[in-house]
Amino acid sequence: MNTNSIRSHDALMKAFAVAEMVVSTLPETPDSVELGSGDPYSVRLYFHLAPHLVEDFADHHKTTATTRTPFNGDSHSIYTESTVVIDGVTVRAWALTDVASEVVAA
């Protein structure tokens, strides 16, 4: 094994460990947990139609959640995200919701 594959393997294992630790602290399980490739790897947590869980994630990690319309110009959706770096691994929690469901929730 060359040093690049060892470094990549170590980065992947660190991302798995961070994902496990973060998910274990959440009040609800995300709908999906994905590891993004790269060096370092990243973790993405998706909460289906649940921006309040992204806000809970942000509160837990003492950061903020931001909302915006998606980059594709879909004005009928709201994208909520919060990003933190834990042990060198970027962790992003996100949700995509419909404007109509947000109006009903408010």
Protein backbone atom coordinates (compact mmCIF):
# COMPACT_ATOMS: atom_id res chain seq x y z
CA MET A 1 0.00 0.00 0.00
CA ASN A 2 1.47 3.37 -0.94
CA THR A 3 1.38 6.40 1.36
CA ASN A 4 -1.44 8.05 -0.63
CA SER A 5 -3.74 5.05 -0.17
CA ILE A 6 -2.89 4.84 3.53
CA ARG A 7 -3.67 8.55 3.95
CA SER A 8 -6.91 8.14 1.99
CA HIS A 9 -7.86 5.05 4.02
CA ASP A 10 -7.16 6.90 7.27
CA ALA A 11 -9.26 9.88 6.10
CA LEU A 12 -12.14 7.57 5.20
CA MET A 13 -12.01 5.81 8.57
CA LYS A 14 -11.93 9.18 10.35
CA ALA A 15 -15.04 10.27 8.41
CA PHE A 16 -16.83 7.03 9.40
CA ALA A 17 -15.91 7.63 13.06
CA VAL A 18 -17.12 11.24 12.97
CA ALA A 19 -20.37 10.19 11.23
CA GLU A 20 -20.99 7.55 13.91
CA MET A 21 -20.28 10.00 16.74
CA VAL A 22 -22.49 12.75 15.27
CA VAL A 23 -25.43 10.45 14.50
CA SER A 24 -25.27 9.02 18.01
CA THR A 25 -25.83 12.52 19.46
CA LEU A 26 -28.85 13.38 17.30
CA PRO A 27 -32.38 13.28 18.74
CA GLU A 28 -33.64 11.71 15.49
CA THR A 29 -31.89 9.62 12.85
CA PRO A 30 -31.22 11.38 9.54
CA ASP A 31 -32.97 10.04 6.45
CA SER A 32 -29.58 9.53 4.87
CA VAL A 33 -25.93 9.72 5.86
CA GLU A 34 -23.42 10.08 3.04
CA LEU A 35 -19.66 10.29 2.96
CA GLY A 36 -18.26 12.66 0.37
CA SER A 37 -15.10 11.51 -1.32
CA GLY A 38 -11.92 13.47 -1.16
CA ASP A 39 -9.05 14.11 1.12
CA PRO A 40 -10.39 14.85 3.63
CA TYR A 41 -13.70 13.09 3.32
CA SER A 42 -16.88 14.86 4.40
CA VAL A 43 -20.16 13.76 5.99
CA ARG A 44 -23.60 14.84 4.78
CA LEU A 45 -26.73 14.32 6.89
CA TYR A 46 -30.08 14.69 5.12
CA PHE A 47 -33.28 15.34 7.06
CA HIS A 48 -36.30 14.87 4.77
CA LEU A 49 -38.71 17.80 5.15
CA ALA A 50 -37.31 18.51 8.62
CA PRO A 51 -35.44 21.82 8.76
CA HIS A 52 -36.05 21.92 12.52
CA LEU A 53 -33.68 18.94 12.85
CA VAL A 54 -31.00 20.89 10.97
CA GLU A 55 -31.55 23.73 13.43
CA ASP A 56 -31.24 21.24 16.34
CA PHE A 57 -27.95 20.02 14.82
CA ALA A 58 -26.72 23.62 14.58
CA ASP A 59 -27.74 24.40 18.16
CA HIS A 60 -26.01 21.28 19.45
CA HIS A 61 -22.78 22.29 17.68
CA LYS A 62 -23.09 25.95 18.72
CA THR A 63 -23.41 27.26 15.18
CA THR A 64 -26.24 28.51 13.00
CA ALA A 65 -28.47 27.09 10.31
CA THR A 66 -28.97 29.11 7.15
CA THR A 67 -31.87 29.04 4.72
CA ARG A 68 -32.02 30.02 1.07
CA THR A 69 -33.68 29.10 -2.17
CA PRO A 70 -31.79 26.42 -4.14
CA PHE A 71 -29.17 27.48 -6.68
CA ASN A 72 -31.32 26.09 -9.50
CA GLY A 73 -33.77 28.99 -9.01
CA ASP A 74 -36.59 26.80 -7.66
CA SER A 75 -38.49 29.46 -5.74
CA HIS A 76 -40.91 26.84 -4.39
CA SER A 77 -38.30 25.21 -2.17
CA ILE A 78 -36.27 26.23 0.85
CA TYR A 79 -32.81 24.79 1.47
CA THR A 80 -31.69 24.71 5.13
CA GLU A 81 -28.13 23.78 6.07
CA SER A 82 -25.60 23.90 8.84
CA THR A 83 -21.93 23.00 8.54
CA VAL A 84 -19.35 22.26 11.21
CA VAL A 85 -15.86 20.76 11.21
CA ILE A 86 -15.36 17.96 13.69
CA ASP A 87 -11.92 16.39 14.12
CA GLY A 88 -10.93 17.75 10.70
CA VAL A 89 -14.03 16.34 8.95
CA THR A 90 -16.63 18.71 7.48
CA VAL A 91 -20.15 17.68 8.54
CA ARG A 92 -23.11 19.24 6.74
CA ALA A 93 -26.71 18.75 7.86
CA TRP A 94 -29.33 19.78 5.33
CA ALA A 95 -33.01 19.68 4.45
CA LEU A 96 -35.01 20.71 1.42
CA THR A 97 -38.59 21.71 2.07
CA ASP A 98 -41.47 23.09 0.08
CA VAL A 99 -42.40 26.73 0.67
CA ALA A 100 -46.05 25.72 1.14
CA SER A 101 -45.17 23.25 3.93
CA GLU A 102 -43.07 25.92 5.67
CA VAL A 103 -46.02 28.34 5.58
CA VAL A 104 -48.30 25.68 7.07
CA ALA A 105 -45.72 24.89 9.80
CA ALA A 106 -45.46 28.56 10.80
